[in-house]
Amino acid sequence: MQHLGELDASALAQLAAVGATALFAAANGTPIFCAAFVFTLQGDASLLALLLAVSALSADIGSRIRGCGWNDSQVAALK
């Protein structure tokens, strides 16, 4: 945390975008939507691949912790 002061505003915004994507995807379980949503807010094309990777990984980890989510319950209701 001591080294965050050394980052410029752009790097801090990118770090915040990656963190927000990871948290949002883990909690929500919709990784592509989360990555696309944060990407449209950030607007940095160089972050898209990283946002997609982070959201997919965090959604997978989050699925083991959060249990049945809204999407899973909707799919179960349609069966």
PDB file of N, CA and C in Angstrom:
ATOM      1  N   MET A   1       0.806  -1.189   0.000  1.00  0.00           N
ATOM      2  CA  MET A   1       0.000   0.000   0.000  1.00  0.00           C
ATOM      3  C   MET A   1       0.856   1.263   0.000  1.00  0.00           C
ATOM      4  N   GLN A   2       2.075   1.173   0.438  1.00  0.00           N
ATOM      5  CA  GLN A   2       2.937   2.348   0.487  1.00  0.00           C
ATOM      6  C   GLN A   2       3.295   2.833  -0.903  1.00  0.00           C
ATOM      7  N   HIS A   3       3.336   1.959  -1.866  1.00  0.00           N
ATOM      8  CA  HIS A   3       3.780   2.305  -3.211  1.00  0.00           C
ATOM      9  C   HIS A   3       2.651   2.846  -4.087  1.00  0.00           C
ATOM     10  N   LEU A   4       1.428   2.871  -3.595  1.00  0.00           N
ATOM     11  CA  LEU A   4       0.324   3.393  -4.406  1.00  0.00           C
ATOM     12  C   LEU A   4       0.485   4.882  -4.672  1.00  0.00           C
ATOM     13  N   GLY A   5       1.143   5.589  -3.775  1.00  0.00           N
ATOM     14  CA  GLY A   5       1.374   7.013  -3.972  1.00  0.00           C
ATOM     15  C   GLY A   5       2.298   7.308  -5.135  1.00  0.00           C
ATOM     16  N   GLU A   6       3.069   6.314  -5.535  1.00  0.00           N
ATOM     17  CA  GLU A   6       3.995   6.486  -6.649  1.00  0.00           C
ATOM     18  C   GLU A   6       3.317   6.338  -8.009  1.00  0.00           C
ATOM     19  N   LEU A   7       2.089   5.831  -8.036  1.00  0.00           N
ATOM     20  CA  LEU A   7       1.368   5.642  -9.301  1.00  0.00           C
ATOM     21  C   LEU A   7       0.741   6.952  -9.754  1.00  0.00           C
ATOM     22  N   ASP A   8       0.713   7.162 -11.069  1.00  0.00           N
ATOM     23  CA  ASP A   8       0.047   8.355 -11.590  1.00  0.00           C
ATOM     24  C   ASP A   8      -1.462   8.116 -11.638  1.00  0.00           C
ATOM     25  N   ALA A   9      -2.203   9.136 -11.999  1.00  0.00           N
ATOM     26  CA  ALA A   9      -3.666   9.056 -11.990  1.00  0.00           C
ATOM     27  C   ALA A   9      -4.190   7.988 -12.948  1.00  0.00           C
ATOM     28  N   SER A  10      -3.560   7.833 -14.093  1.00  0.00           N
ATOM     29  CA  SER A  10      -3.998   6.831 -15.069  1.00  0.00           C
ATOM     30  C   SER A  10      -3.793   5.413 -14.530  1.00  0.00           C
ATOM     31  N   ALA A  11      -2.651   5.183 -13.916  1.00  0.00           N
ATOM     32  CA  ALA A  11      -2.378   3.853 -13.363  1.00  0.00           C
ATOM     33  C   ALA A  11      -3.314   3.533 -12.202  1.00  0.00           C
ATOM     34  N   LEU A  12      -3.624   4.522 -11.378  1.00  0.00           N
ATOM     35  CA  LEU A  12      -4.576   4.302 -10.286  1.00  0.00           C
ATOM     36  C   LEU A  12      -5.972   4.003 -10.824  1.00  0.00           C
ATOM     37  N   ALA A  13      -6.367   4.672 -11.900  1.00  0.00           N
ATOM     38  CA  ALA A  13      -7.670   4.404 -12.512  1.00  0.00           C
ATOM     39  C   ALA A  13      -7.724   2.998 -13.095  1.00  0.00           C
ATOM     40  N   GLN A  14      -6.629   2.554 -13.706  1.00  0.00           N
ATOM     41  CA  GLN A  14      -6.581   1.195 -14.242  1.00  0.00           C
ATOM     42  C   GLN A  14      -6.636   0.165 -13.125  1.00  0.00           C
ATOM     43  N   LEU A  15      -5.924   0.413 -12.046  1.00  0.00           N
ATOM     44  CA  LEU A  15      -5.948  -0.492 -10.901  1.00  0.00           C
ATOM     45  C   LEU A  15      -7.343  -0.574 -10.295  1.00  0.00           C
ATOM     46  N   ALA A  16      -7.998   0.562 -10.177  1.00  0.00           N
ATOM     47  CA  ALA A  16      -9.368   0.589  -9.653  1.00  0.00           C
ATOM     48  C   ALA A  16     -10.324  -0.150 -10.575  1.00  0.00           C
ATOM     49  N   ALA A  17     -10.144  -0.024 -11.880  1.00  0.00           N
ATOM     50  CA  ALA A  17     -11.007  -0.710 -12.840  1.00  0.00           C
ATOM     51  C   ALA A  17     -10.844  -2.221 -12.739  1.00  0.00           C
ATOM     52  N   VAL A  18      -9.615  -2.688 -12.610  1.00  0.00           N
ATOM     53  CA  VAL A  18      -9.369  -4.123 -12.488  1.00  0.00           C
ATOM     54  C   VAL A  18      -9.952  -4.642 -11.177  1.00  0.00           C
ATOM     55  N   GLY A  19      -9.757  -3.908 -10.101  1.00  0.00           N
ATOM     56  CA  GLY A  19     -10.315  -4.320  -8.805  1.00  0.00           C
ATOM     57  C   GLY A  19     -11.828  -4.335  -8.796  1.00  0.00           C
ATOM     58  N   ALA A  20     -12.429  -3.317  -9.400  1.00  0.00           N
ATOM     59  CA  ALA A  20     -13.891  -3.263  -9.458  1.00  0.00           C
ATOM     60  C   ALA A  20     -14.455  -4.406 -10.290  1.00  0.00           C
ATOM     61  N   THR A  21     -13.792  -4.731 -11.385  1.00  0.00           N
ATOM     62  CA  THR A  21     -14.233  -5.845 -12.227  1.00  0.00           C
ATOM     63  C   THR A  21     -14.161  -7.154 -11.468  1.00  0.00           C
ATOM     64  N   ALA A  22     -13.078  -7.373 -10.751  1.00  0.00           N
ATOM     65  CA  ALA A  22     -12.919  -8.611  -9.988  1.00  0.00           C
ATOM     66  C   ALA A  22     -13.994  -8.732  -8.916  1.00  0.00           C
ATOM     67  N   LEU A  23     -14.236  -7.660  -8.186  1.00  0.00           N
ATOM     68  CA  LEU A  23     -15.241  -7.689  -7.124  1.00  0.00           C
ATOM     69  C   LEU A  23     -16.643  -7.865  -7.691  1.00  0.00           C
ATOM     70  N   PHE A  24     -16.961  -7.126  -8.741  1.00  0.00           N
ATOM     71  CA  PHE A  24     -18.282  -7.181  -9.366  1.00  0.00           C
ATOM     72  C   PHE A  24     -18.557  -8.561  -9.955  1.00  0.00           C
ATOM     73  N   ALA A  25     -17.582  -9.136 -10.647  1.00  0.00           N
ATOM     74  CA  ALA A  25     -17.769 -10.453 -11.265  1.00  0.00           C
ATOM     75  C   ALA A  25     -17.876 -11.551 -10.219  1.00  0.00           C
ATOM     76  N   ALA A  26     -17.090 -11.466  -9.154  1.00  0.00           N
ATOM     77  CA  ALA A  26     -17.159 -12.478  -8.101  1.00  0.00           C
ATOM     78  C   ALA A  26     -18.500 -12.430  -7.381  1.00  0.00           C
ATOM     79  N   ALA A  27     -19.003 -11.241  -7.146  1.00  0.00           N
ATOM     80  CA  ALA A  27     -20.275 -11.101  -6.433  1.00  0.00           C
ATOM     81  C   ALA A  27     -21.464 -11.411  -7.320  1.00  0.00           C
ATOM     82  N   ASN A  28     -21.373 -11.053  -8.599  1.00  0.00           N
ATOM     83  CA  ASN A  28     -22.513 -11.146  -9.505  1.00  0.00           C
ATOM     84  C   ASN A  28     -22.561 -12.453 -10.288  1.00  0.00           C
ATOM     85  N   GLY A  29     -21.401 -12.994 -10.635  1.00  0.00           N
ATOM     86  CA  GLY A  29     -21.362 -14.230 -11.394  1.00  0.00           C
ATOM     87  C   GLY A  29     -21.613 -14.066 -12.876  1.00  0.00           C
ATOM     88  N   THR A  30     -21.483 -12.857 -13.389  1.00  0.00           N
ATOM     89  CA  THR A  30     -21.650 -12.599 -14.815  1.00  0.00           C
ATOM     90  C   THR A  30     -20.386 -11.920 -15.340  1.00  0.00           C
ATOM     91  N   PRO A  31     -19.345 -12.714 -15.620  1.00  0.00           N
ATOM     92  CA  PRO A  31     -18.039 -12.122 -15.917  1.00  0.00           C
ATOM     93  C   PRO A  31     -17.979 -11.283 -17.198  1.00  0.00           C
ATOM     94  N   ILE A  32     -18.630 -11.708 -18.264  1.00  0.00           N
ATOM     95  CA  ILE A  32     -18.551 -10.939 -19.507  1.00  0.00           C
ATOM     96  C   ILE A  32     -19.260  -9.601 -19.350  1.00  0.00           C
ATOM     97  N   PHE A  33     -20.418  -9.610 -18.712  1.00  0.00           N
ATOM     98  CA  PHE A  33     -21.128  -8.356 -18.474  1.00  0.00           C
ATOM     99  C   PHE A  33     -20.300  -7.414 -17.611  1.00  0.00           C
ATOM    100  N   CYS A  34     -19.708  -7.945 -16.548  1.00  0.00           N
ATOM    101  CA  CYS A  34     -18.921  -7.096 -15.645  1.00  0.00           C
ATOM    102  C   CYS A  34     -17.720  -6.485 -16.355  1.00  0.00           C
ATOM    103  N   ALA A  35     -17.010  -7.289 -17.122  1.00  0.00           N
ATOM    104  CA  ALA A  35     -15.848  -6.778 -17.845  1.00  0.00           C
ATOM    105  C   ALA A  35     -16.268  -5.736 -18.885  1.00  0.00           C
ATOM    106  N   ALA A  36     -17.341  -6.002 -19.595  1.00  0.00           N
ATOM    107  CA  ALA A  36     -17.806  -5.054 -20.613  1.00  0.00           C
ATOM    108  C   ALA A  36     -18.299  -3.756 -19.979  1.00  0.00           C
ATOM    109  N   PHE A  37     -18.975  -3.866 -18.855  1.00  0.00           N
ATOM    110  CA  PHE A  37     -19.491  -2.686 -18.160  1.00  0.00           C
ATOM    111  C   PHE A  37     -18.350  -1.792 -17.688  1.00  0.00           C
ATOM    112  N   VAL A  38     -17.374  -2.379 -17.015  1.00  0.00           N
ATOM    113  CA  VAL A  38     -16.240  -1.594 -16.521  1.00  0.00           C
ATOM    114  C   VAL A  38     -15.413  -1.073 -17.691  1.00  0.00           C
ATOM    115  N   PHE A  39     -15.289  -1.854 -18.754  1.00  0.00           N
ATOM    116  CA  PHE A  39     -14.550  -1.408 -19.933  1.00  0.00           C
ATOM    117  C   PHE A  39     -15.195  -0.170 -20.546  1.00  0.00           C
ATOM    118  N   THR A  40     -16.513  -0.141 -20.639  1.00  0.00           N
ATOM    119  CA  THR A  40     -17.180   1.028 -21.207  1.00  0.00           C
ATOM    120  C   THR A  40     -17.005   2.249 -20.315  1.00  0.00           C
ATOM    121  N   LEU A  41     -16.948   2.045 -19.014  1.00  0.00           N
ATOM    122  CA  LEU A  41     -16.707   3.170 -18.112  1.00  0.00           C
ATOM    123  C   LEU A  41     -15.267   3.660 -18.209  1.00  0.00           C
ATOM    124  N   GLN A  42     -14.333   2.733 -18.307  1.00  0.00           N
ATOM    125  CA  GLN A  42     -12.908   3.076 -18.334  1.00  0.00           C
ATOM    126  C   GLN A  42     -12.489   3.589 -19.706  1.00  0.00           C
ATOM    127  N   GLY A  43     -12.910   2.916 -20.768  1.00  0.00           N
ATOM    128  CA  GLY A  43     -12.610   3.348 -22.120  1.00  0.00           C
ATOM    129  C   GLY A  43     -11.174   3.124 -22.565  1.00  0.00           C
ATOM    130  N   ASP A  44     -10.438   2.296 -21.870  1.00  0.00           N
ATOM    131  CA  ASP A  44      -9.045   2.025 -22.222  1.00  0.00           C
ATOM    132  C   ASP A  44      -8.975   0.667 -22.911  1.00  0.00           C
ATOM    133  N   ALA A  45      -8.745   0.680 -24.218  1.00  0.00           N
ATOM    134  CA  ALA A  45      -8.759  -0.558 -25.000  1.00  0.00           C
ATOM    135  C   ALA A  45      -7.675  -1.541 -24.576  1.00  0.00           C
ATOM    136  N   SER A  46      -6.592  -1.040 -24.018  1.00  0.00           N
ATOM    137  CA  SER A  46      -5.511  -1.937 -23.599  1.00  0.00           C
ATOM    138  C   SER A  46      -5.892  -2.760 -22.375  1.00  0.00           C
ATOM    139  N   LEU A  47      -6.953  -2.384 -21.678  1.00  0.00           N
ATOM    140  CA  LEU A  47      -7.379  -3.115 -20.481  1.00  0.00           C
ATOM    141  C   LEU A  47      -8.371  -4.235 -20.756  1.00  0.00           C
ATOM    142  N   LEU A  48      -8.936  -4.295 -21.954  1.00  0.00           N
ATOM    143  CA  LEU A  48     -10.026  -5.237 -22.217  1.00  0.00           C
ATOM    144  C   LEU A  48      -9.633  -6.687 -21.946  1.00  0.00           C
ATOM    145  N   ALA A  49      -8.503  -7.129 -22.447  1.00  0.00           N
ATOM    146  CA  ALA A  49      -8.093  -8.523 -22.231  1.00  0.00           C
ATOM    147  C   ALA A  49      -7.877  -8.806 -20.749  1.00  0.00           C
ATOM    148  N   LEU A  50      -7.268  -7.878 -20.047  1.00  0.00           N
ATOM    149  CA  LEU A  50      -7.049  -8.063 -18.611  1.00  0.00           C
ATOM    150  C   LEU A  50      -8.369  -8.080 -17.847  1.00  0.00           C
ATOM    151  N   LEU A  51      -9.288  -7.195 -18.197  1.00  0.00           N
ATOM    152  CA  LEU A  51     -10.590  -7.168 -17.527  1.00  0.00           C
ATOM    153  C   LEU A  51     -11.353  -8.473 -17.752  1.00  0.00           C
ATOM    154  N   LEU A  52     -11.301  -9.003 -18.971  1.00  0.00           N
ATOM    155  CA  LEU A  52     -11.978 -10.274 -19.260  1.00  0.00           C
ATOM    156  C   LEU A  52     -11.359 -11.424 -18.464  1.00  0.00           C
ATOM    157  N   ALA A  53     -10.025 -11.458 -18.402  1.00  0.00           N
ATOM    158  CA  ALA A  53      -9.347 -12.529 -17.667  1.00  0.00           C
ATOM    159  C   ALA A  53      -9.627 -12.441 -16.173  1.00  0.00           C
ATOM    160  N   VAL A  54      -9.544 -11.242 -15.623  1.00  0.00           N
ATOM    161  CA  VAL A  54      -9.783 -11.056 -14.190  1.00  0.00           C
ATOM    162  C   VAL A  54     -11.223 -11.386 -13.838  1.00  0.00           C
ATOM    163  N   SER A  55     -12.167 -10.966 -14.673  1.00  0.00           N
ATOM    164  CA  SER A  55     -13.567 -11.243 -14.366  1.00  0.00           C
ATOM    165  C   SER A  55     -13.889 -12.735 -14.455  1.00  0.00           C
ATOM    166  N   ALA A  56     -13.313 -13.426 -15.420  1.00  0.00           N
ATOM    167  CA  ALA A  56     -13.554 -14.870 -15.532  1.00  0.00           C
ATOM    168  C   ALA A  56     -12.979 -15.618 -14.336  1.00  0.00           C
ATOM    169  N   LEU A  57     -11.771 -15.260 -13.948  1.00  0.00           N
ATOM    170  CA  LEU A  57     -11.140 -15.922 -12.810  1.00  0.00           C
ATOM    171  C   LEU A  57     -11.876 -15.629 -11.516  1.00  0.00           C
ATOM    172  N   SER A  58     -12.220 -14.381 -11.287  1.00  0.00           N
ATOM    173  CA  SER A  58     -12.895 -14.043 -10.031  1.00  0.00           C
ATOM    174  C   SER A  58     -14.318 -14.599  -9.983  1.00  0.00           C
ATOM    175  N   ALA A  59     -14.993 -14.683 -11.119  1.00  0.00           N
ATOM    176  CA  ALA A  59     -16.331 -15.281 -11.135  1.00  0.00           C
ATOM    177  C   ALA A  59     -16.255 -16.761 -10.799  1.00  0.00           C
ATOM    178  N   ASP A  60     -15.222 -17.446 -11.281  1.00  0.00           N
ATOM    179  CA  ASP A  60     -15.047 -18.859 -10.967  1.00  0.00           C
ATOM    180  C   ASP A  60     -14.753 -19.065  -9.483  1.00  0.00           C
ATOM    181  N   ILE A  61     -13.882 -18.247  -8.941  1.00  0.00           N
ATOM    182  CA  ILE A  61     -13.574 -18.335  -7.510  1.00  0.00           C
ATOM    183  C   ILE A  61     -14.794 -17.952  -6.684  1.00  0.00           C
ATOM    184  N   GLY A  62     -15.487 -16.898  -7.097  1.00  0.00           N
ATOM    185  CA  GLY A  62     -16.668 -16.448  -6.364  1.00  0.00           C
ATOM    186  C   GLY A  62     -17.802 -17.453  -6.367  1.00  0.00           C
ATOM    187  N   SER A  63     -17.907 -18.252  -7.431  1.00  0.00           N
ATOM    188  CA  SER A  63     -18.985 -19.239  -7.496  1.00  0.00           C
ATOM    189  C   SER A  63     -18.847 -20.299  -6.413  1.00  0.00           C
ATOM    190  N   ARG A  64     -17.639 -20.564  -5.988  1.00  0.00           N
ATOM    191  CA  ARG A  64     -17.420 -21.545  -4.923  1.00  0.00           C
ATOM    192  C   ARG A  64     -17.775 -20.974  -3.559  1.00  0.00           C
ATOM    193  N   ILE A  65     -17.723 -19.670  -3.448  1.00  0.00           N
ATOM    194  CA  ILE A  65     -17.986 -19.017  -2.166  1.00  0.00           C
ATOM    195  C   ILE A  65     -19.448 -18.600  -2.041  1.00  0.00           C
ATOM    196  N   ARG A  66     -20.008 -18.010  -3.108  1.00  0.00           N
ATOM    197  CA  ARG A  66     -21.334 -17.408  -2.993  1.00  0.00           C
ATOM    198  C   ARG A  66     -22.476 -18.413  -3.102  1.00  0.00           C
ATOM    199  N   GLY A  67     -22.260 -19.565  -3.681  1.00  0.00           N
ATOM    200  CA  GLY A  67     -23.331 -20.545  -3.819  1.00  0.00           C
ATOM    201  C   GLY A  67     -24.233 -20.223  -4.998  1.00  0.00           C
ATOM    202  N   CYS A  68     -25.493 -20.564  -4.869  1.00  0.00           N
ATOM    203  CA  CYS A  68     -26.460 -20.369  -5.945  1.00  0.00           C
ATOM    204  C   CYS A  68     -26.761 -18.885  -6.103  1.00  0.00           C
ATOM    205  N   GLY A  69     -26.538 -18.374  -7.305  1.00  0.00           N
ATOM    206  CA  GLY A  69     -26.805 -16.968  -7.590  1.00  0.00           C
ATOM    207  C   GLY A  69     -28.103 -16.792  -8.343  1.00  0.00           C
ATOM    208  N   TRP A  70     -28.362 -15.564  -8.738  1.00  0.00           N
ATOM    209  CA  TRP A  70     -29.599 -15.243  -9.431  1.00  0.00           C
ATOM    210  C   TRP A  70     -29.695 -15.995 -10.750  1.00  0.00           C
ATOM    211  N   ASN A  71     -28.619 -16.048 -11.511  1.00  0.00           N
ATOM    212  CA  ASN A  71     -28.650 -16.756 -12.798  1.00  0.00           C
ATOM    213  C   ASN A  71     -28.916 -18.248 -12.614  1.00  0.00           C
ATOM    214  N   ASP A  72     -28.269 -18.832 -11.619  1.00  0.00           N
ATOM    215  CA  ASP A  72     -28.461 -20.266 -11.374  1.00  0.00           C
ATOM    216  C   ASP A  72     -29.896 -20.581 -10.962  1.00  0.00           C
ATOM    217  N   SER A  73     -30.481 -19.719 -10.144  1.00  0.00           N
ATOM    218  CA  SER A  73     -31.858 -19.971  -9.722  1.00  0.00           C
ATOM    219  C   SER A  73     -32.835 -19.781 -10.885  1.00  0.00           C
ATOM    220  N   GLN A  74     -32.556 -18.854 -11.799  1.00  0.00           N
ATOM    221  CA  GLN A  74     -33.409 -18.661 -12.969  1.00  0.00           C
ATOM    222  C   GLN A  74     -33.321 -19.859 -13.912  1.00  0.00           C
ATOM    223  N   VAL A  75     -32.127 -20.391 -14.108  1.00  0.00           N
ATOM    224  CA  VAL A  75     -31.960 -21.566 -14.957  1.00  0.00           C
ATOM    225  C   VAL A  75     -32.666 -22.765 -14.333  1.00  0.00           C
ATOM    226  N   ALA A  76     -32.549 -22.923 -13.035  1.00  0.00           N
ATOM    227  CA  ALA A  76     -33.219 -24.034 -12.350  1.00  0.00           C
ATOM    228  C   ALA A  76     -34.738 -23.906 -12.453  1.00  0.00           C
ATOM    229  N   ALA A  77     -35.244 -22.691 -12.418  1.00  0.00           N
ATOM    230  CA  ALA A  77     -36.690 -22.483 -12.522  1.00  0.00           C
ATOM    231  C   ALA A  77     -37.211 -22.808 -13.919  1.00  0.00           C
ATOM    232  N   LEU A  78     -36.372 -22.637 -14.931  1.00  0.00           N
ATOM    233  CA  LEU A  78     -36.802 -22.917 -16.302  1.00  0.00           C
ATOM    234  C   LEU A  78     -36.750 -24.397 -16.653  1.00  0.00           C
ATOM    235  N   LYS A  79     -36.086 -25.191 -15.854  1.00  0.00           N
ATOM    236  CA  LYS A  79     -35.965 -26.625 -16.161  1.00  0.00           C
ATOM    237  C   LYS A  79     -37.199 -27.375 -15.764  1.00  0.00           C
TER     238      LYS A  79
END
